[in-house]
Amino acid sequence: MSDAPLTPRSRKAAVVPEDDNDNTPRAAASRQGRGQPGGSSGQIPALQRRSKSLARRSVDSEGTILPELITPRPSWLSPARTNRSREIQEHLPESTSEKISLIDFLSVTPPPVPSIYEDGKLTHTKTISDDALKKIGESDELQRVVPALFMMESLIDAVYKEFDNLHIDPGVEFQRDWLNSLHSYTTAPLMPKEIRSEKDTEDLVLGVLFRPLLAACYAAKMGTLERLDGYPNITSCGGGGKGALIPDAMLWSLHDTLATTIEVKTQGVFVASTDSGDRSHTFNDLLADFPEMGTGYSVRFIWPQVKQRLSTSADKIIVQVWTQMVVHKMKFAALTNYTSVIFFVREGDTLYMSAEYTQDRIFIAIFAFLAYVLGYFQQPTSKPDLPEVVNWWKKYINPTVEEPGIDTTTLPQGYLNRLLARKQSDVFD
C-alpha cells in the first residue's frame, strides 16, 4: 500500500476502481462509496444532483441504493450483521495483513443498534423549561435554521489530505492491540444489548463512536500510536446553574476548554411526533425536507416564550441543542442516535445543520468534526463550508404563523401548499 496521501482528486477516481478483483482495504473501501454527504439515507437523489463529488453507486429509478451491486468489503471493514456473539477476531485484521491506513480504519461500518425493549417506547423528548428559557436573552434567540448539507465535506476532504499518512501495522503487536481496542466490534459487545433508556444509547454513542474516534484523532494529531495517554476528554457536563440545559456529553480539550456539546437521542425520538394536525413533522421529516431547499435557503424559526410549549419533537430537539450551545457558549454541537449523526454551527441568530451521516460514513464524519473543533487541522482552509443565507420566505410569503417552533410554511412543502391554496382561491373567486 502506498503511503502517499489520498487527495480528493485521486479519491474521486478511486470510487469505481478499474480492477474489481482488487481486494485491498483501500480499494474495497473505495467501492463502498465515500463521497455521499449523508450516507445511505432517504435524501440521496437530491444530494446526487447537487455535487460532482458524490459516489457513483448503482441506484434504482427512485434513487434507492441497490446493495447487491455494491462490492463486498473485507470482513474486518464490514462485519456480518448477524450474531453479535460471533468470534470478534474474524472481524479484525490478521497479524499478517498489510498495513492499514487511518482512512481504512475510518471506513469501518459499526455494528447495528440493539432493538428498543418494546415497540413504541422511548419516543418522547423533553421540552425546554421556563427556567432554561429565561437564560436566553432576546439577542440569543434562534431565528433561522439553514440546511448546510455539504458543510462537513470540506472537513472530510481535509482528513484525506492531512491524516492519511498514519498507518497501522497489524504485524506489530502493540499496533494491532491499539487497532483492536478501538475497533467497533470489540467495543460494542461491552455495551447494552437492549435499549431500555436514552442512557443505553448514550453508552453506545460514547463507547463505540466518540471515545474510540477521539483516541484515533489524537494519534493522528501526534503522528504516532506510541502514546495513548493524555488525549482530550469526553464527559458529561456537571451543573451549569439553575435552569441550564445539561448536554448528554461535552468535549474538553487538553487545555480544559470546552470544544463542543453532544446530544444523544434514541432512534424512536427521530421518528416520533407529539403533535397533531398540520404541524406533525417528526425530526426525520425535517431531514427529508431539507435536501429540497435551495442552497443557503433558510427556514423561519419562532422562538418560544415563557409559558409557551413546543408541539413537535423536531422543535424540541432544535431548541434543546440551541439552548445548550448558548448557555455553554458553544459554536459547535453534535446530535446522534448512534445510527446517524448531525452537526450544527451557531452564528448569530442562525443555526446551520449538516446532512445526516449514517452508518457507512459515520466514523469519518465524527472524526473530521472532532479534529476540527479541537484545532487539529493544519490548513486554515480546513473549515466547515457554510452557505450564504437566503431568507427567501421574506420575499415570497408573508409569515403569519406565531406558534413557536419551525414555521412549516417556510419549508418547501409548506410553501407549495400555500401557493396551491392561493391558486385555488383565485379560481373560485
Protein backbone atom coordinates (compact mmCIF):
# COMPACT_ATOMS: atom_id res chain seq x y z
CA MET A 1 0.00 0.00 0.00
CA SER A 2 1.31 3.42 -0.91
CA ASP A 3 1.95 5.86 1.89
CA ALA A 4 1.04 8.81 -0.32
CA PRO A 5 -1.98 10.76 0.97
CA LEU A 6 -5.19 10.13 -0.91
CA THR A 7 -6.21 13.55 -2.24
CA PRO A 8 -9.81 14.44 -3.11
CA ARG A 9 -9.00 14.11 -6.83
CA SER A 10 -7.45 10.66 -6.50
CA ARG A 11 -10.12 9.63 -4.01
CA LYS A 12 -12.81 10.52 -6.53
CA ALA A 13 -11.11 8.45 -9.18
CA ALA A 14 -10.94 5.53 -6.78
CA VAL A 15 -14.70 5.40 -6.21
CA VAL A 16 -15.14 2.96 -9.09
CA PRO A 17 -11.83 1.08 -9.36
CA GLU A 18 -10.91 -0.40 -12.71
CA ASP A 19 -9.85 -3.66 -11.12
CA ASP A 20 -12.86 -5.24 -9.44
CA ASN A 21 -10.62 -8.03 -8.19
CA ASP A 22 -8.55 -5.65 -6.10
CA ASN A 23 -9.47 -6.64 -2.54
CA THR A 24 -7.10 -4.37 -0.66
CA PRO A 25 -8.80 -2.45 2.15
CA ARG A 26 -8.44 0.85 0.29
CA ALA A 27 -9.91 -0.42 -2.98
CA ALA A 28 -12.71 -2.23 -1.20
CA ALA A 29 -13.50 0.81 0.94
CA SER A 30 -13.50 2.98 -2.16
CA ARG A 31 -16.09 0.71 -3.76
CA GLN A 32 -18.35 1.36 -0.78
CA GLY A 33 -18.68 5.00 -1.87
CA ARG A 34 -17.35 7.67 0.46
CA GLY A 35 -18.40 10.78 -1.36
CA GLN A 36 -22.04 10.89 -0.36
CA PRO A 37 -22.78 13.54 2.29
CA GLY A 38 -25.42 11.74 4.28
CA GLY A 39 -24.57 8.10 3.80
CA SER A 40 -27.36 5.81 2.69
CA SER A 41 -30.34 7.84 3.91
CA GLY A 42 -33.56 8.69 2.09
CA GLN A 43 -32.41 12.01 0.63
CA ILE A 44 -29.99 10.50 -1.91
CA PRO A 45 -31.48 11.76 -5.23
CA ALA A 46 -31.41 15.47 -4.38
CA LEU A 47 -27.90 15.24 -2.99
CA GLN A 48 -26.64 13.32 -6.00
CA ARG A 49 -27.85 16.03 -8.33
CA ARG A 50 -26.04 18.77 -6.47
CA SER A 51 -22.47 17.57 -6.05
CA LYS A 52 -19.97 16.25 -8.57
CA SER A 53 -18.06 14.61 -5.73
CA LEU A 54 -20.85 12.15 -4.90
CA ALA A 55 -20.05 8.46 -5.11
CA ARG A 56 -21.14 6.70 -8.27
CA ARG A 57 -23.29 3.94 -6.88
CA SER A 58 -25.97 1.84 -8.55
CA VAL A 59 -29.49 3.06 -7.78
CA ASP A 60 -32.95 2.22 -8.99
CA SER A 61 -35.38 4.65 -10.62
CA GLU A 62 -36.38 6.09 -7.25
CA GLY A 63 -32.82 6.65 -6.10
CA THR A 64 -32.61 3.68 -3.72
CA ILE A 65 -29.17 2.11 -3.45
CA LEU A 66 -29.06 -1.44 -4.79
CA PRO A 67 -26.95 -3.21 -2.15
CA GLU A 68 -26.44 -6.34 -4.23
CA LEU A 69 -24.44 -4.27 -6.74
CA ILE A 70 -22.03 -2.95 -4.13
CA THR A 71 -18.82 -4.98 -3.98
CA PRO A 72 -18.44 -6.54 -0.51
CA ARG A 73 -15.66 -5.20 1.65
CA PRO A 74 -13.21 -7.28 3.71
CA SER A 75 -14.85 -8.78 6.78
CA TRP A 76 -12.87 -6.59 9.15
CA LEU A 77 -14.19 -3.47 7.40
CA SER A 78 -17.81 -4.51 7.10
CA PRO A 79 -18.59 -7.36 9.50
CA ALA A 80 -21.61 -9.58 9.04
CA ARG A 81 -24.60 -8.08 10.85
CA THR A 82 -25.98 -11.26 12.29
CA ASN A 83 -24.97 -12.94 15.52
CA ARG A 84 -23.47 -10.35 17.89
CA SER A 85 -21.78 -13.13 19.86
CA ARG A 86 -19.71 -14.36 16.92
CA GLU A 87 -15.98 -14.50 17.33
CA ILE A 88 -14.61 -10.96 17.34
CA GLN A 89 -11.33 -11.99 15.76
CA GLU A 90 -12.89 -12.79 12.39
CA HIS A 91 -13.86 -9.11 12.08
CA LEU A 92 -10.35 -7.83 12.77
CA PRO A 93 -7.27 -7.63 10.53
CA GLU A 94 -4.96 -10.60 10.76
CA SER A 95 -1.46 -10.14 12.16
CA THR A 96 -0.08 -10.89 8.70
CA SER A 97 -2.24 -8.29 6.94
CA GLU A 98 -0.73 -5.40 5.06
CA LYS A 99 -0.56 -2.01 6.71
CA ILE A 100 -3.88 -0.29 7.27
CA SER A 101 -4.28 3.44 6.77
CA LEU A 102 -6.25 5.65 9.10
CA ILE A 103 -8.76 6.12 6.27
CA ASP A 104 -9.26 2.36 6.14
CA PHE A 105 -9.94 2.34 9.88
CA LEU A 106 -12.44 5.19 9.50
CA SER A 107 -14.26 3.20 6.79
CA VAL A 108 -15.43 0.57 9.27
CA THR A 109 -19.19 0.06 9.48
CA PRO A 110 -20.29 -0.05 13.15
CA PRO A 111 -22.44 -2.88 14.49
CA PRO A 112 -26.22 -2.35 14.29
CA VAL A 113 -28.02 -0.64 17.12
CA PRO A 114 -29.72 -3.00 19.61
CA SER A 115 -33.50 -3.01 19.49
CA ILE A 116 -35.63 -0.96 21.87
CA TYR A 117 -37.11 -3.17 24.58
CA GLU A 118 -40.67 -2.60 23.34
CA ASP A 119 -42.10 -1.14 20.14
CA GLY A 120 -43.41 2.38 20.55
CA LYS A 121 -41.33 3.14 23.64
CA LEU A 122 -38.66 5.83 24.11
CA THR A 123 -40.22 8.17 21.55
CA HIS A 124 -40.57 11.37 23.55
CA THR A 125 -38.07 14.11 24.30
CA LYS A 126 -38.34 16.76 26.96
CA THR A 127 -39.39 20.31 26.19
CA ILE A 128 -37.42 23.32 27.35
CA SER A 129 -38.23 24.55 30.85
CA ASP A 130 -39.21 28.11 31.69
CA ASP A 131 -36.04 28.43 33.80
CA ALA A 132 -33.93 27.50 30.78
CA LEU A 133 -35.85 29.91 28.54
CA LYS A 134 -35.10 32.74 30.94
CA LYS A 135 -31.39 32.16 30.37
CA ILE A 136 -31.75 33.00 26.68
CA GLY A 137 -31.68 36.73 26.05
CA GLU A 138 -33.57 38.24 23.14
CA SER A 139 -30.36 38.65 21.14
CA ASP A 140 -29.63 34.92 21.56
CA GLU A 141 -33.00 33.66 20.32
CA LEU A 142 -32.90 31.36 17.31
CA GLN A 143 -34.48 32.95 14.23
CA ARG A 144 -33.34 30.82 11.29
CA VAL A 145 -32.39 27.22 10.57
CA VAL A 146 -30.25 26.73 7.47
CA PRO A 147 -29.66 23.31 5.87
CA ALA A 148 -25.92 23.24 5.12
CA LEU A 149 -25.83 19.75 3.65
CA PHE A 150 -22.25 19.93 2.43
CA MET A 151 -20.65 21.89 5.25
CA MET A 152 -18.78 18.82 6.55
CA GLU A 153 -17.44 17.68 3.18
CA SER A 154 -14.53 20.13 3.24
CA LEU A 155 -13.50 18.74 6.64
CA ILE A 156 -13.78 15.15 5.42
CA ASP A 157 -11.61 16.05 2.44
CA ALA A 158 -9.13 17.57 4.89
CA VAL A 159 -8.93 14.24 6.72
CA TYR A 160 -7.83 12.59 3.47
CA LYS A 161 -5.27 15.32 2.85
CA GLU A 162 -3.76 15.66 6.30
CA PHE A 163 -4.17 12.36 8.14
CA ASP A 164 -3.79 9.60 5.57
CA ASN A 165 -0.08 9.26 6.37
CA LEU A 166 -0.79 7.41 9.63
CA HIS A 167 -0.68 3.63 9.13
CA ILE A 168 -1.31 0.71 11.46
CA ASP A 169 0.76 -2.45 11.01
CA PRO A 170 -1.17 -5.50 12.30
CA GLY A 171 2.13 -7.39 12.23
CA VAL A 172 3.38 -5.23 15.12
CA GLU A 173 1.75 -6.42 18.31
CA PHE A 174 1.18 -3.08 20.06
CA GLN A 175 -0.23 -1.55 16.86
CA ARG A 176 -2.57 -4.50 16.38
CA ASP A 177 -3.65 -4.20 20.01
CA TRP A 178 -4.24 -0.46 19.53
CA LEU A 179 -6.43 -1.11 16.49
CA ASN A 180 -8.35 -3.93 18.11
CA SER A 181 -9.01 -1.90 21.26
CA LEU A 182 -10.71 0.83 19.20
CA HIS A 183 -12.46 -1.35 16.62
CA SER A 184 -16.23 -1.14 17.00
CA TYR A 185 -16.60 -4.92 17.05
CA THR A 186 -14.52 -5.10 20.22
CA THR A 187 -16.10 -2.09 21.93
CA ALA A 188 -19.75 -2.79 21.02
CA PRO A 189 -20.09 -6.18 22.78
CA LEU A 190 -19.42 -4.41 26.08
CA MET A 191 -22.39 -2.11 25.53
CA PRO A 192 -26.09 -2.70 26.38
CA LYS A 193 -27.67 -5.49 24.33
CA GLU A 194 -31.11 -3.86 24.51
CA ILE A 195 -32.11 -0.19 24.61
CA ARG A 196 -34.21 0.46 27.70
CA SER A 197 -33.39 4.15 28.18
CA GLU A 198 -31.64 7.05 26.49
CA LYS A 199 -28.67 6.29 28.73
CA ASP A 200 -28.21 2.95 26.92
CA THR A 201 -27.98 4.80 23.62
CA GLU A 202 -25.56 7.26 25.21
CA ASP A 203 -23.33 4.36 26.28
CA LEU A 204 -23.23 3.13 22.69
CA VAL A 205 -22.57 6.59 21.27
CA LEU A 206 -19.67 7.35 23.60
CA GLY A 207 -18.24 3.85 23.92
CA VAL A 208 -18.38 2.80 20.27
CA LEU A 209 -18.23 6.09 18.35
CA PHE A 210 -16.88 9.16 20.11
CA ARG A 211 -14.29 7.87 22.60
CA PRO A 212 -12.52 5.47 20.20
CA LEU A 213 -12.54 8.15 17.49
CA LEU A 214 -11.16 10.69 19.95
CA ALA A 215 -8.23 8.35 20.66
CA ALA A 216 -7.70 7.87 16.92
CA CYS A 217 -7.92 11.63 16.40
CA TYR A 218 -5.23 12.25 18.99
CA ALA A 219 -2.98 9.57 17.46
CA ALA A 220 -3.40 11.23 14.06
CA LYS A 221 -2.50 14.59 15.56
CA MET A 222 0.61 13.17 17.25
CA GLY A 223 1.52 11.10 14.18
CA THR A 224 2.18 8.02 16.28
CA LEU A 225 0.43 5.18 18.06
CA GLU A 226 3.04 5.08 20.81
CA ARG A 227 1.32 7.48 23.18
CA LEU A 228 -2.23 6.77 24.26
CA ASP A 229 -2.50 8.85 27.42
CA GLY A 230 -3.39 12.50 27.73
CA TYR A 231 -5.85 12.85 24.89
CA PRO A 232 -8.87 15.18 25.33
CA ASN A 233 -11.75 14.09 27.50
CA ILE A 234 -15.41 13.48 26.73
CA THR A 235 -17.55 13.75 29.83
CA SER A 236 -21.00 14.65 30.98
CA CYS A 237 -21.42 18.27 31.92
CA GLY A 238 -21.94 18.79 35.63
CA GLY A 239 -24.24 21.55 36.77
CA GLY A 240 -24.27 24.77 34.82
CA GLY A 241 -26.61 26.65 37.11
CA LYS A 242 -30.30 26.52 37.85
CA GLY A 243 -32.40 26.08 34.75
CA ALA A 244 -29.46 25.34 32.46
CA LEU A 245 -29.83 22.50 30.00
CA ILE A 246 -27.13 19.92 30.55
CA PRO A 247 -25.89 18.16 27.39
CA ASP A 248 -25.53 14.41 27.39
CA ALA A 249 -21.80 14.87 26.83
CA MET A 250 -19.23 17.59 26.33
CA LEU A 251 -15.77 17.50 24.78
CA TRP A 252 -12.97 19.21 26.68
CA SER A 253 -9.61 19.94 25.08
CA LEU A 254 -6.26 19.28 26.76
CA HIS A 255 -6.31 22.95 27.80
CA ASP A 256 -9.59 22.45 29.68
CA THR A 257 -11.54 24.50 27.19
CA LEU A 258 -14.94 23.34 26.00
CA ALA A 259 -14.93 22.26 22.34
CA THR A 260 -18.45 21.01 21.64
CA THR A 261 -21.68 19.73 23.13
CA ILE A 262 -23.05 16.29 22.23
CA GLU A 263 -26.75 15.50 22.47
CA VAL A 264 -27.99 11.89 22.31
CA LYS A 265 -31.48 10.70 21.40
CA THR A 266 -32.97 7.27 20.92
CA GLN A 267 -33.95 6.21 17.42
CA GLY A 268 -37.59 6.46 18.43
CA VAL A 269 -37.32 10.20 19.06
CA PHE A 270 -36.23 10.84 15.47
CA VAL A 271 -39.34 9.17 14.05
CA ALA A 272 -41.93 10.30 16.60
CA SER A 273 -44.11 13.39 16.80
CA THR A 274 -46.08 14.56 19.81
CA ASP A 275 -48.19 16.89 17.69
CA SER A 276 -51.43 16.56 15.76
CA GLY A 277 -52.84 18.31 12.74
CA ASP A 278 -50.79 20.20 10.19
CA ARG A 279 -47.70 20.65 12.38
CA SER A 280 -46.90 16.96 12.59
CA HIS A 281 -43.32 16.99 11.36
CA THR A 282 -41.01 14.50 13.02
CA PHE A 283 -37.30 15.15 13.09
CA ASN A 284 -36.83 12.66 10.25
CA ASP A 285 -39.49 14.52 8.24
CA LEU A 286 -37.47 17.68 8.69
CA LEU A 287 -34.31 15.97 7.48
CA ALA A 288 -36.17 14.67 4.45
CA ASP A 289 -37.42 18.18 3.60
CA PHE A 290 -34.03 19.86 3.79
CA PRO A 291 -32.49 18.44 0.58
CA GLU A 292 -35.33 20.08 -1.35
CA MET A 293 -34.27 23.53 -0.12
CA GLY A 294 -32.16 25.75 -2.33
CA THR A 295 -28.56 26.23 -1.23
CA GLY A 296 -28.49 28.56 1.77
CA TYR A 297 -32.28 28.90 1.91
CA SER A 298 -33.35 29.36 5.50
CA VAL A 299 -36.33 28.09 7.47
CA ARG A 300 -38.04 30.53 9.80
CA PHE A 301 -37.95 29.60 13.48
CA ILE A 302 -40.22 31.22 16.08
CA TRP A 303 -38.53 31.18 19.48
CA PRO A 304 -40.79 30.08 22.37
CA GLN A 305 -41.53 32.47 25.19
CA VAL A 306 -42.07 31.63 28.85
CA LYS A 307 -45.25 29.57 29.35
CA GLN A 308 -45.33 28.60 25.67
CA ARG A 309 -44.93 24.94 24.83
CA LEU A 310 -43.36 23.33 21.77
CA SER A 311 -45.59 20.85 19.98
CA THR A 312 -43.28 18.63 17.92
CA SER A 313 -40.23 16.53 18.67
CA ALA A 314 -38.34 18.32 15.87
CA ASP A 315 -38.93 21.70 17.54
CA LYS A 316 -37.92 20.35 20.95
CA ILE A 317 -34.68 18.86 19.64
CA ILE A 318 -33.65 22.06 17.86
CA VAL A 319 -34.45 24.26 20.86
CA GLN A 320 -32.60 21.90 23.20
CA VAL A 321 -29.47 21.84 21.03
CA TRP A 322 -29.55 25.63 20.51
CA THR A 323 -30.08 26.39 24.20
CA GLN A 324 -27.18 24.16 25.21
CA MET A 325 -24.94 25.94 22.72
CA VAL A 326 -25.97 29.38 24.01
CA VAL A 327 -25.77 28.54 27.72
CA HIS A 328 -22.34 26.92 27.37
CA LYS A 329 -21.09 29.47 24.82
CA MET A 330 -20.59 26.85 22.12
CA LYS A 331 -20.34 27.42 18.39
CA PHE A 332 -20.46 23.69 17.55
CA ALA A 333 -22.68 20.77 18.52
CA ALA A 334 -23.41 17.19 17.50
CA LEU A 335 -26.68 15.27 17.67
CA THR A 336 -26.75 11.49 17.32
CA ASN A 337 -28.89 8.42 17.87
CA TYR A 338 -25.91 6.08 17.22
CA THR A 339 -27.11 5.06 13.75
CA SER A 340 -26.65 8.59 12.40
CA VAL A 341 -25.13 11.92 13.39
CA ILE A 342 -25.87 15.56 12.52
CA PHE A 343 -23.59 18.52 13.17
CA PHE A 344 -24.52 22.12 13.98
CA VAL A 345 -22.82 25.50 13.74
CA ARG A 346 -24.24 28.54 15.56
CA GLU A 347 -23.68 32.01 14.16
CA GLY A 348 -25.67 34.95 15.50
CA ASP A 349 -29.37 34.04 15.32
CA THR A 350 -28.77 31.27 12.77
CA LEU A 351 -28.32 27.52 13.22
CA TYR A 352 -26.64 25.64 10.37
CA MET A 353 -27.44 21.91 10.13
CA SER A 354 -25.30 19.41 8.26
CA ALA A 355 -26.52 16.42 6.30
CA GLU A 356 -27.36 13.32 8.29
CA TYR A 357 -24.35 10.98 8.24
CA THR A 358 -25.40 7.36 8.50
CA GLN A 359 -23.57 4.08 9.14
CA ASP A 360 -21.27 3.92 6.12
CA ARG A 361 -19.74 7.37 6.80
CA ILE A 362 -20.45 7.98 10.45
CA PHE A 363 -16.89 7.28 11.64
CA ILE A 364 -15.10 9.58 9.23
CA ALA A 365 -17.71 12.33 9.74
CA ILE A 366 -17.32 12.28 13.53
CA PHE A 367 -13.53 12.07 13.21
CA ALA A 368 -13.49 15.14 10.93
CA PHE A 369 -15.74 17.04 13.34
CA LEU A 370 -13.58 16.19 16.37
CA ALA A 371 -10.39 17.12 14.55
CA TYR A 372 -11.86 20.49 13.62
CA VAL A 373 -13.30 21.53 16.98
CA LEU A 374 -10.03 20.51 18.68
CA GLY A 375 -7.97 22.55 16.20
CA TYR A 376 -6.06 19.58 14.79
CA PHE A 377 -6.17 20.57 11.12
CA GLN A 378 -3.08 22.42 9.92
CA GLN A 379 -4.54 24.20 6.91
CA PRO A 380 -6.61 27.34 7.64
CA THR A 381 -8.89 26.43 4.73
CA SER A 382 -9.98 23.27 6.59
CA LYS A 383 -13.26 24.56 8.00
CA PRO A 384 -17.00 23.98 7.57
CA ASP A 385 -18.35 25.19 4.25
CA LEU A 386 -21.26 27.39 5.30
CA PRO A 387 -23.54 28.71 2.54
CA GLU A 388 -24.65 32.31 2.25
CA VAL A 389 -28.05 32.60 3.93
CA VAL A 390 -31.09 33.40 1.79
CA ASN A 391 -34.25 34.46 3.68
CA TRP A 392 -36.41 33.54 0.71
CA TRP A 393 -39.63 33.41 2.71
CA LYS A 394 -39.48 37.13 3.50
CA LYS A 395 -39.79 37.89 -0.20
CA TYR A 396 -42.34 35.33 -1.35
CA ILE A 397 -44.69 34.85 1.55
CA ASN A 398 -45.97 36.87 4.46
CA PRO A 399 -45.45 34.65 7.53
CA THR A 400 -48.33 34.93 9.94
CA VAL A 401 -47.67 31.78 11.96
CA GLU A 402 -46.81 32.62 15.56
CA GLU A 403 -46.86 29.16 17.12
CA PRO A 404 -43.35 28.53 18.50
CA GLY A 405 -41.03 26.27 16.57
CA ILE A 406 -40.37 25.76 12.88
CA ASP A 407 -42.71 27.76 10.66
CA THR A 408 -43.68 24.90 8.35
CA THR A 409 -44.95 27.35 5.73
CA THR A 410 -41.28 28.17 5.11
CA LEU A 411 -40.44 24.53 4.38
CA PRO A 412 -40.63 23.50 0.70
CA GLN A 413 -43.90 21.59 1.02
CA GLY A 414 -45.47 24.27 3.18
CA TYR A 415 -44.64 26.91 0.62
CA LEU A 416 -46.02 24.79 -2.24
CA ASN A 417 -49.24 24.19 -0.31
CA ARG A 418 -49.53 27.93 0.25
CA LEU A 419 -49.18 28.64 -3.47
CA LEU A 420 -51.70 25.91 -4.33
CA ALA A 421 -54.23 27.36 -1.89
CA ARG A 422 -53.80 30.80 -3.45
CA LYS A 423 -54.35 29.44 -6.97
CA GLN A 424 -57.48 27.56 -5.90
CA SER A 425 -58.79 30.71 -4.22
CA ASP A 426 -58.22 32.69 -7.42
CA VAL A 427 -60.14 30.08 -9.44
CA PHE A 428 -63.18 30.04 -7.16
CA ASP A 429 -63.22 33.80 -6.72
